[in-house]
Amino acid sequence: MHKLGVTVALTICNIDLKAQKRPIPGYPANPKTLGQKIRKVRMDRGLLQKDVAATLGVTEDTITNWENGRCLPDLRYQVKINLFLE
């Protein structure tokens, strides 16, 4: 498997099929906001919003609101968020 696609080798026919992976719905390829960065890291790690919420000590709804740009995190969460994003 390649990072940007999938290669399938059919040994019987000696044919290599190559295709791009479908983009994951909601995946921010070029995150610009803090919420988009949180979503990208979360999705890259295969985590659910509830997993991130437990790590940061907030509710799942809070993560949803941050990711969707409805609100910004309080300063008290900045250290935990920075650790999560590293």
PDB file of N, CA and C in Angstrom:
ATOM      1  N   MET A   1       0.850  -1.174   0.000  1.00  0.00           N
ATOM      2  CA  MET A   1       0.000   0.000   0.000  1.00  0.00           C
ATOM      3  C   MET A   1       0.893   1.234   0.000  1.00  0.00           C
ATOM      4  N   HIS A   2       0.545   2.178  -0.810  1.00  0.00           N
ATOM      5  CA  HIS A   2       1.260   3.438  -0.866  1.00  0.00           C
ATOM      6  C   HIS A   2       0.531   4.461  -0.024  1.00  0.00           C
ATOM      7  N   LYS A   3       1.219   5.521   0.342  1.00  0.00           N
ATOM      8  CA  LYS A   3       0.611   6.548   1.189  1.00  0.00           C
ATOM      9  C   LYS A   3      -0.576   7.218   0.506  1.00  0.00           C
ATOM     10  N   LEU A   4      -0.472   7.500  -0.793  1.00  0.00           N
ATOM     11  CA  LEU A   4      -1.540   8.227  -1.477  1.00  0.00           C
ATOM     12  C   LEU A   4      -2.428   7.338  -2.334  1.00  0.00           C
ATOM     13  N   GLY A   5      -2.191   6.081  -2.365  1.00  0.00           N
ATOM     14  CA  GLY A   5      -3.021   5.231  -3.203  1.00  0.00           C
ATOM     15  C   GLY A   5      -2.855   3.772  -2.824  1.00  0.00           C
ATOM     16  N   VAL A   6      -3.512   2.922  -3.576  1.00  0.00           N
ATOM     17  CA  VAL A   6      -3.471   1.493  -3.325  1.00  0.00           C
ATOM     18  C   VAL A   6      -3.001   0.808  -4.595  1.00  0.00           C
ATOM     19  N   THR A   7      -2.079  -0.131  -4.457  1.00  0.00           N
ATOM     20  CA  THR A   7      -1.614  -0.906  -5.587  1.00  0.00           C
ATOM     21  C   THR A   7      -2.028  -2.346  -5.360  1.00  0.00           C
ATOM     22  N   VAL A   8      -2.647  -2.930  -6.363  1.00  0.00           N
ATOM     23  CA  VAL A   8      -3.059  -4.323  -6.298  1.00  0.00           C
ATOM     24  C   VAL A   8      -2.339  -5.059  -7.417  1.00  0.00           C
ATOM     25  N   ALA A   9      -1.642  -6.094  -7.063  1.00  0.00           N
ATOM     26  CA  ALA A   9      -0.936  -6.879  -8.075  1.00  0.00           C
ATOM     27  C   ALA A   9      -1.673  -8.193  -8.286  1.00  0.00           C
ATOM     28  N   LEU A  10      -2.045  -8.459  -9.521  1.00  0.00           N
ATOM     29  CA  LEU A  10      -2.685  -9.716  -9.874  1.00  0.00           C
ATOM     30  C   LEU A  10      -1.617 -10.601 -10.510  1.00  0.00           C
ATOM     31  N   THR A  11      -1.120 -11.559  -9.742  1.00  0.00           N
ATOM     32  CA  THR A  11       0.003 -12.366 -10.213  1.00  0.00           C
ATOM     33  C   THR A  11      -0.369 -13.265 -11.385  1.00  0.00           C
ATOM     34  N   ILE A  12      -1.619 -13.615 -11.522  1.00  0.00           N
ATOM     35  CA  ILE A  12      -2.045 -14.481 -12.612  1.00  0.00           C
ATOM     36  C   ILE A  12      -1.939 -13.755 -13.952  1.00  0.00           C
ATOM     37  N   CYS A  13      -2.326 -12.495 -13.981  1.00  0.00           N
ATOM     38  CA  CYS A  13      -2.383 -11.732 -15.230  1.00  0.00           C
ATOM     39  C   CYS A  13      -1.202 -10.778 -15.410  1.00  0.00           C
ATOM     40  N   ASN A  14      -0.382 -10.617 -14.382  1.00  0.00           N
ATOM     41  CA  ASN A  14       0.715  -9.653 -14.436  1.00  0.00           C
ATOM     42  C   ASN A  14       0.232  -8.245 -14.735  1.00  0.00           C
ATOM     43  N   ILE A  15      -0.815  -7.823 -14.060  1.00  0.00           N
ATOM     44  CA  ILE A  15      -1.386  -6.486 -14.213  1.00  0.00           C
ATOM     45  C   ILE A  15      -1.330  -5.783 -12.863  1.00  0.00           C
ATOM     46  N   ASP A  16      -0.869  -4.553 -12.869  1.00  0.00           N
ATOM     47  CA  ASP A  16      -0.888  -3.724 -11.666  1.00  0.00           C
ATOM     48  C   ASP A  16      -1.982  -2.684 -11.820  1.00  0.00           C
ATOM     49  N   LEU A  17      -2.896  -2.619 -10.845  1.00  0.00           N
ATOM     50  CA  LEU A  17      -3.953  -1.614 -10.839  1.00  0.00           C
ATOM     51  C   LEU A  17      -3.603  -0.574  -9.784  1.00  0.00           C
ATOM     52  N   LYS A  18      -3.635   0.677 -10.172  1.00  0.00           N
ATOM     53  CA  LYS A  18      -3.322   1.756  -9.242  1.00  0.00           C
ATOM     54  C   LYS A  18      -4.466   2.757  -9.248  1.00  0.00           C
ATOM     55  N   ALA A  19      -4.821   3.228  -8.041  1.00  0.00           N
ATOM     56  CA  ALA A  19      -5.902   4.213  -7.935  1.00  0.00           C
ATOM     57  C   ALA A  19      -5.683   5.063  -6.697  1.00  0.00           C
ATOM     58  N   GLN A  20      -6.171   6.276  -6.750  1.00  0.00           N
ATOM     59  CA  GLN A  20      -6.129   7.165  -5.598  1.00  0.00           C
ATOM     60  C   GLN A  20      -7.192   6.733  -4.598  1.00  0.00           C
ATOM     61  N   LYS A  21      -6.877   6.878  -3.316  1.00  0.00           N
ATOM     62  CA  LYS A  21      -7.887   6.640  -2.291  1.00  0.00           C
ATOM     63  C   LYS A  21      -8.920   7.751  -2.357  1.00  0.00           C
ATOM     64  N   ARG A  22     -10.149   7.415  -2.052  1.00  0.00           N
ATOM     65  CA  ARG A  22     -11.188   8.434  -1.965  1.00  0.00           C
ATOM     66  C   ARG A  22     -10.920   9.309  -0.749  1.00  0.00           C
ATOM     67  N   PRO A  23     -11.128  10.613  -0.891  1.00  0.00           N
ATOM     68  CA  PRO A  23     -10.946  11.469   0.281  1.00  0.00           C
ATOM     69  C   PRO A  23     -11.996  11.153   1.345  1.00  0.00           C
ATOM     70  N   ILE A  24     -11.582  11.202   2.572  1.00  0.00           N
ATOM     71  CA  ILE A  24     -12.499  10.963   3.686  1.00  0.00           C
ATOM     72  C   ILE A  24     -13.400  12.187   3.815  1.00  0.00           C
ATOM     73  N   PRO A  25     -14.728  11.991   3.871  1.00  0.00           N
ATOM     74  CA  PRO A  25     -15.618  13.146   4.013  1.00  0.00           C
ATOM     75  C   PRO A  25     -15.288  13.964   5.261  1.00  0.00           C
ATOM     76  N   GLY A  26     -15.177  15.263   5.087  1.00  0.00           N
ATOM     77  CA  GLY A  26     -14.893  16.160   6.204  1.00  0.00           C
ATOM     78  C   GLY A  26     -13.426  16.286   6.539  1.00  0.00           C
ATOM     79  N   TYR A  27     -12.550  15.587   5.810  1.00  0.00           N
ATOM     80  CA  TYR A  27     -11.115  15.645   6.108  1.00  0.00           C
ATOM     81  C   TYR A  27     -10.535  16.946   5.573  1.00  0.00           C
ATOM     82  N   PRO A  28      -9.968  17.788   6.453  1.00  0.00           N
ATOM     83  CA  PRO A  28      -9.383  19.052   5.998  1.00  0.00           C
ATOM     84  C   PRO A  28      -7.955  18.839   5.478  1.00  0.00           C
ATOM     85  N   ALA A  29      -7.797  18.844   4.159  1.00  0.00           N
ATOM     86  CA  ALA A  29      -6.487  18.604   3.560  1.00  0.00           C
ATOM     87  C   ALA A  29      -5.497  19.710   3.915  1.00  0.00           C
ATOM     88  N   ASN A  30      -5.970  20.939   3.923  1.00  0.00           N
ATOM     89  CA  ASN A  30      -5.129  22.093   4.252  1.00  0.00           C
ATOM     90  C   ASN A  30      -5.779  22.892   5.380  1.00  0.00           C
ATOM     91  N   PRO A  31      -5.650  22.408   6.616  1.00  0.00           N
ATOM     92  CA  PRO A  31      -6.332  23.085   7.725  1.00  0.00           C
ATOM     93  C   PRO A  31      -5.796  24.482   7.964  1.00  0.00           C
ATOM     94  N   LYS A  32      -6.727  25.406   8.168  1.00  0.00           N
ATOM     95  CA  LYS A  32      -6.360  26.804   8.404  1.00  0.00           C
ATOM     96  C   LYS A  32      -6.740  27.255   9.808  1.00  0.00           C
ATOM     97  N   THR A  33      -7.827  26.715  10.335  1.00  0.00           N
ATOM     98  CA  THR A  33      -8.278  27.111  11.666  1.00  0.00           C
ATOM     99  C   THR A  33      -7.833  26.079  12.701  1.00  0.00           C
ATOM    100  N   LEU A  34      -7.887  26.460  13.958  1.00  0.00           N
ATOM    101  CA  LEU A  34      -7.535  25.535  15.032  1.00  0.00           C
ATOM    102  C   LEU A  34      -8.465  24.323  15.013  1.00  0.00           C
ATOM    103  N   GLY A  35      -9.742  24.563  14.795  1.00  0.00           N
ATOM    104  CA  GLY A  35     -10.703  23.463  14.740  1.00  0.00           C
ATOM    105  C   GLY A  35     -10.396  22.485  13.617  1.00  0.00           C
ATOM    106  N   GLN A  36     -10.011  23.001  12.452  1.00  0.00           N
ATOM    107  CA  GLN A  36      -9.646  22.133  11.332  1.00  0.00           C
ATOM    108  C   GLN A  36      -8.379  21.345  11.636  1.00  0.00           C
ATOM    109  N   LYS A  37      -7.439  21.959  12.354  1.00  0.00           N
ATOM    110  CA  LYS A  37      -6.211  21.255  12.734  1.00  0.00           C
ATOM    111  C   LYS A  37      -6.524  20.126  13.712  1.00  0.00           C
ATOM    112  N   ILE A  38      -7.418  20.392  14.655  1.00  0.00           N
ATOM    113  CA  ILE A  38      -7.828  19.349  15.603  1.00  0.00           C
ATOM    114  C   ILE A  38      -8.481  18.200  14.845  1.00  0.00           C
ATOM    115  N   ARG A  39      -9.387  18.517  13.917  1.00  0.00           N
ATOM    116  CA  ARG A  39     -10.070  17.478  13.141  1.00  0.00           C
ATOM    117  C   ARG A  39      -9.064  16.659  12.321  1.00  0.00           C
ATOM    118  N   LYS A  40      -8.111  17.326  11.682  1.00  0.00           N
ATOM    119  CA  LYS A  40      -7.138  16.623  10.846  1.00  0.00           C
ATOM    120  C   LYS A  40      -6.307  15.648  11.676  1.00  0.00           C
ATOM    121  N   VAL A  41      -5.780  16.118  12.805  1.00  0.00           N
ATOM    122  CA  VAL A  41      -4.969  15.248  13.665  1.00  0.00           C
ATOM    123  C   VAL A  41      -5.820  14.098  14.190  1.00  0.00           C
ATOM    124  N   ARG A  42      -7.037  14.400  14.595  1.00  0.00           N
ATOM    125  CA  ARG A  42      -7.938  13.355  15.101  1.00  0.00           C
ATOM    126  C   ARG A  42      -8.166  12.291  14.047  1.00  0.00           C
ATOM    127  N   MET A  43      -8.467  12.711  12.817  1.00  0.00           N
ATOM    128  CA  MET A  43      -8.741  11.757  11.746  1.00  0.00           C
ATOM    129  C   MET A  43      -7.479  11.006  11.323  1.00  0.00           C
ATOM    130  N   ASP A  44      -6.340  11.686  11.327  1.00  0.00           N
ATOM    131  CA  ASP A  44      -5.075  11.015  11.003  1.00  0.00           C
ATOM    132  C   ASP A  44      -4.769   9.897  11.993  1.00  0.00           C
ATOM    133  N   ARG A  45      -5.144  10.108  13.239  1.00  0.00           N
ATOM    134  CA  ARG A  45      -4.882   9.114  14.290  1.00  0.00           C
ATOM    135  C   ARG A  45      -6.008   8.091  14.429  1.00  0.00           C
ATOM    136  N   GLY A  46      -7.077   8.259  13.659  1.00  0.00           N
ATOM    137  CA  GLY A  46      -8.194   7.325  13.721  1.00  0.00           C
ATOM    138  C   GLY A  46      -8.994   7.426  15.006  1.00  0.00           C
ATOM    139  N   LEU A  47      -9.047   8.628  15.570  1.00  0.00           N
ATOM    140  CA  LEU A  47      -9.767   8.836  16.827  1.00  0.00           C
ATOM    141  C   LEU A  47     -11.168   9.371  16.571  1.00  0.00           C
ATOM    142  N   LEU A  48     -12.055   9.097  17.503  1.00  0.00           N
ATOM    143  CA  LEU A  48     -13.388   9.676  17.481  1.00  0.00           C
ATOM    144  C   LEU A  48     -13.376  10.957  18.300  1.00  0.00           C
ATOM    145  N   GLN A  49     -14.397  11.783  18.095  1.00  0.00           N
ATOM    146  CA  GLN A  49     -14.479  13.025  18.866  1.00  0.00           C
ATOM    147  C   GLN A  49     -14.551  12.743  20.357  1.00  0.00           C
ATOM    148  N   LYS A  50     -15.215  11.665  20.741  1.00  0.00           N
ATOM    149  CA  LYS A  50     -15.316  11.350  22.169  1.00  0.00           C
ATOM    150  C   LYS A  50     -13.951  10.991  22.756  1.00  0.00           C
ATOM    151  N   ASP A  51     -13.058  10.403  21.926  1.00  0.00           N
ATOM    152  CA  ASP A  51     -11.711  10.085  22.398  1.00  0.00           C
ATOM    153  C   ASP A  51     -10.918  11.359  22.674  1.00  0.00           C
ATOM    154  N   VAL A  52     -11.015  12.315  21.756  1.00  0.00           N
ATOM    155  CA  VAL A  52     -10.315  13.586  21.926  1.00  0.00           C
ATOM    156  C   VAL A  52     -10.899  14.344  23.111  1.00  0.00           C
ATOM    157  N   ALA A  53     -12.214  14.301  23.239  1.00  0.00           N
ATOM    158  CA  ALA A  53     -12.877  14.981  24.355  1.00  0.00           C
ATOM    159  C   ALA A  53     -12.370  14.445  25.697  1.00  0.00           C
ATOM    160  N   ALA A  54     -12.238  13.129  25.799  1.00  0.00           N
ATOM    161  CA  ALA A  54     -11.749  12.528  27.040  1.00  0.00           C
ATOM    162  C   ALA A  54     -10.300  12.941  27.305  1.00  0.00           C
ATOM    163  N   THR A  55      -9.492  13.001  26.256  1.00  0.00           N
ATOM    164  CA  THR A  55      -8.090  13.402  26.397  1.00  0.00           C
ATOM    165  C   THR A  55      -7.958  14.843  26.867  1.00  0.00           C
ATOM    166  N   LEU A  56      -8.809  15.718  26.329  1.00  0.00           N
ATOM    167  CA  LEU A  56      -8.711  17.147  26.644  1.00  0.00           C
ATOM    168  C   LEU A  56      -9.549  17.556  27.850  1.00  0.00           C
ATOM    169  N   GLY A  57     -10.413  16.661  28.337  1.00  0.00           N
ATOM    170  CA  GLY A  57     -11.238  16.980  29.500  1.00  0.00           C
ATOM    171  C   GLY A  57     -12.417  17.873  29.176  1.00  0.00           C
ATOM    172  N   VAL A  58     -13.000  17.691  27.980  1.00  0.00           N
ATOM    173  CA  VAL A  58     -14.183  18.451  27.569  1.00  0.00           C
ATOM    174  C   VAL A  58     -15.239  17.468  27.077  1.00  0.00           C
ATOM    175  N   THR A  59     -16.387  17.993  26.672  1.00  0.00           N
ATOM    176  CA  THR A  59     -17.437  17.126  26.154  1.00  0.00           C
ATOM    177  C   THR A  59     -17.250  16.906  24.651  1.00  0.00           C
ATOM    178  N   GLU A  60     -17.904  15.879  24.152  1.00  0.00           N
ATOM    179  CA  GLU A  60     -17.881  15.593  22.718  1.00  0.00           C
ATOM    180  C   GLU A  60     -18.490  16.756  21.924  1.00  0.00           C
ATOM    181  N   ASP A  61     -19.525  17.375  22.470  1.00  0.00           N
ATOM    182  CA  ASP A  61     -20.142  18.536  21.812  1.00  0.00           C
ATOM    183  C   ASP A  61     -19.157  19.693  21.692  1.00  0.00           C
ATOM    184  N   THR A  62     -18.293  19.848  22.681  1.00  0.00           N
ATOM    185  CA  THR A  62     -17.291  20.909  22.633  1.00  0.00           C
ATOM    186  C   THR A  62     -16.335  20.680  21.469  1.00  0.00           C
ATOM    187  N   ILE A  63     -15.891  19.443  21.290  1.00  0.00           N
ATOM    188  CA  ILE A  63     -15.008  19.119  20.161  1.00  0.00           C
ATOM    189  C   ILE A  63     -15.720  19.390  18.845  1.00  0.00           C
ATOM    190  N   THR A  64     -16.980  19.008  18.747  1.00  0.00           N
ATOM    191  CA  THR A  64     -17.771  19.270  17.537  1.00  0.00           C
ATOM    192  C   THR A  64     -17.822  20.761  17.251  1.00  0.00           C
ATOM    193  N   ASN A  65     -18.090  21.555  18.278  1.00  0.00           N
ATOM    194  CA  ASN A  65     -18.169  23.012  18.089  1.00  0.00           C
ATOM    195  C   ASN A  65     -16.833  23.610  17.678  1.00  0.00           C
ATOM    196  N   TRP A  66     -15.742  23.136  18.255  1.00  0.00           N
ATOM    197  CA  TRP A  66     -14.419  23.627  17.862  1.00  0.00           C
ATOM    198  C   TRP A  66     -14.123  23.278  16.408  1.00  0.00           C
ATOM    199  N   GLU A  67     -14.365  22.016  16.052  1.00  0.00           N
ATOM    200  CA  GLU A  67     -14.061  21.565  14.691  1.00  0.00           C
ATOM    201  C   GLU A  67     -14.906  22.284  13.644  1.00  0.00           C
ATOM    202  N   ASN A  68     -16.121  22.616  13.988  1.00  0.00           N
ATOM    203  CA  ASN A  68     -17.012  23.292  13.039  1.00  0.00           C
ATOM    204  C   ASN A  68     -16.906  24.810  13.092  1.00  0.00           C
ATOM    205  N   GLY A  69     -16.023  25.318  13.932  1.00  0.00           N
ATOM    206  CA  GLY A  69     -15.789  26.754  13.994  1.00  0.00           C
ATOM    207  C   GLY A  69     -16.887  27.541  14.679  1.00  0.00           C
ATOM    208  N   ARG A  70     -17.712  26.876  15.473  1.00  0.00           N
ATOM    209  CA  ARG A  70     -18.799  27.572  16.175  1.00  0.00           C
ATOM    210  C   ARG A  70     -18.287  28.358  17.369  1.00  0.00           C
ATOM    211  N   CYS A  71     -17.176  27.899  17.938  1.00  0.00           N
ATOM    212  CA  CYS A  71     -16.568  28.609  19.061  1.00  0.00           C
ATOM    213  C   CYS A  71     -15.090  28.243  19.128  1.00  0.00           C
ATOM    214  N   LEU A  72     -14.349  29.000  19.890  1.00  0.00           N
ATOM    215  CA  LEU A  72     -12.919  28.764  20.083  1.00  0.00           C
ATOM    216  C   LEU A  72     -12.680  28.230  21.485  1.00  0.00           C
ATOM    217  N   PRO A  73     -11.638  27.434  21.658  1.00  0.00           N
ATOM    218  CA  PRO A  73     -11.337  26.903  22.991  1.00  0.00           C
ATOM    219  C   PRO A  73     -10.925  28.006  23.955  1.00  0.00           C
ATOM    220  N   ASP A  74     -11.272  27.826  25.216  1.00  0.00           N
ATOM    221  CA  ASP A  74     -10.799  28.727  26.268  1.00  0.00           C
ATOM    222  C   ASP A  74      -9.288  28.565  26.399  1.00  0.00           C
ATOM    223  N   LEU A  75      -8.649  29.604  26.908  1.00  0.00           N
ATOM    224  CA  LEU A  75      -7.199  29.570  27.089  1.00  0.00           C
ATOM    225  C   LEU A  75      -6.742  28.432  27.997  1.00  0.00           C
ATOM    226  N   ARG A  76      -7.594  28.022  28.924  1.00  0.00           N
ATOM    227  CA  ARG A  76      -7.197  26.962  29.858  1.00  0.00           C
ATOM    228  C   ARG A  76      -6.952  25.621  29.178  1.00  0.00           C
ATOM    229  N   TYR A  77      -7.453  25.452  27.932  1.00  0.00           N
ATOM    230  CA  TYR A  77      -7.269  24.197  27.194  1.00  0.00           C
ATOM    231  C   TYR A  77      -6.096  24.248  26.217  1.00  0.00           C
ATOM    232  N   GLN A  78      -5.465  25.395  26.068  1.00  0.00           N
ATOM    233  CA  GLN A  78      -4.423  25.558  25.053  1.00  0.00           C
ATOM    234  C   GLN A  78      -3.244  24.604  25.238  1.00  0.00           C
ATOM    235  N   VAL A  79      -2.810  24.395  26.460  1.00  0.00           N
ATOM    236  CA  VAL A  79      -1.674  23.504  26.689  1.00  0.00           C
ATOM    237  C   VAL A  79      -2.018  22.072  26.263  1.00  0.00           C
ATOM    238  N   LYS A  80      -3.193  21.594  26.674  1.00  0.00           N
ATOM    239  CA  LYS A  80      -3.613  20.230  26.306  1.00  0.00           C
ATOM    240  C   LYS A  80      -3.801  20.110  24.796  1.00  0.00           C
ATOM    241  N   ILE A  81      -4.363  21.125  24.172  1.00  0.00           N
ATOM    242  CA  ILE A  81      -4.571  21.094  22.724  1.00  0.00           C
ATOM    243  C   ILE A  81      -3.229  21.064  22.009  1.00  0.00           C
ATOM    244  N   ASN A  82      -2.281  21.883  22.452  1.00  0.00           N
ATOM    245  CA  ASN A  82      -0.958  21.891  21.825  1.00  0.00           C
ATOM    246  C   ASN A  82      -0.280  20.529  21.954  1.00  0.00           C
ATOM    247  N   LEU A  83      -0.396  19.891  23.113  1.00  0.00           N
ATOM    248  CA  LEU A  83       0.168  18.559  23.294  1.00  0.00           C
ATOM    249  C   LEU A  83      -0.503  17.547  22.369  1.00  0.00           C
ATOM    250  N   PHE A  84      -1.812  17.664  22.214  1.00  0.00           N
ATOM    251  CA  PHE A  84      -2.546  16.761  21.335  1.00  0.00           C
ATOM    252  C   PHE A  84      -2.122  16.946  19.870  1.00  0.00           C
ATOM    253  N   LEU A  85      -1.893  18.187  19.462  1.00  0.00           N
ATOM    254  CA  LEU A  85      -1.553  18.466  18.076  1.00  0.00           C
ATOM    255  C   LEU A  85      -0.115  18.094  17.708  1.00  0.00           C
ATOM    256  N   GLU A  86       0.751  17.891  18.695  1.00  0.00           N
ATOM    257  CA  GLU A  86       2.145  17.543  18.404  1.00  0.00           C
ATOM    258  C   GLU A  86       2.272  16.133  17.906  1.00  0.00           C
TER     259      GLU A  86
END
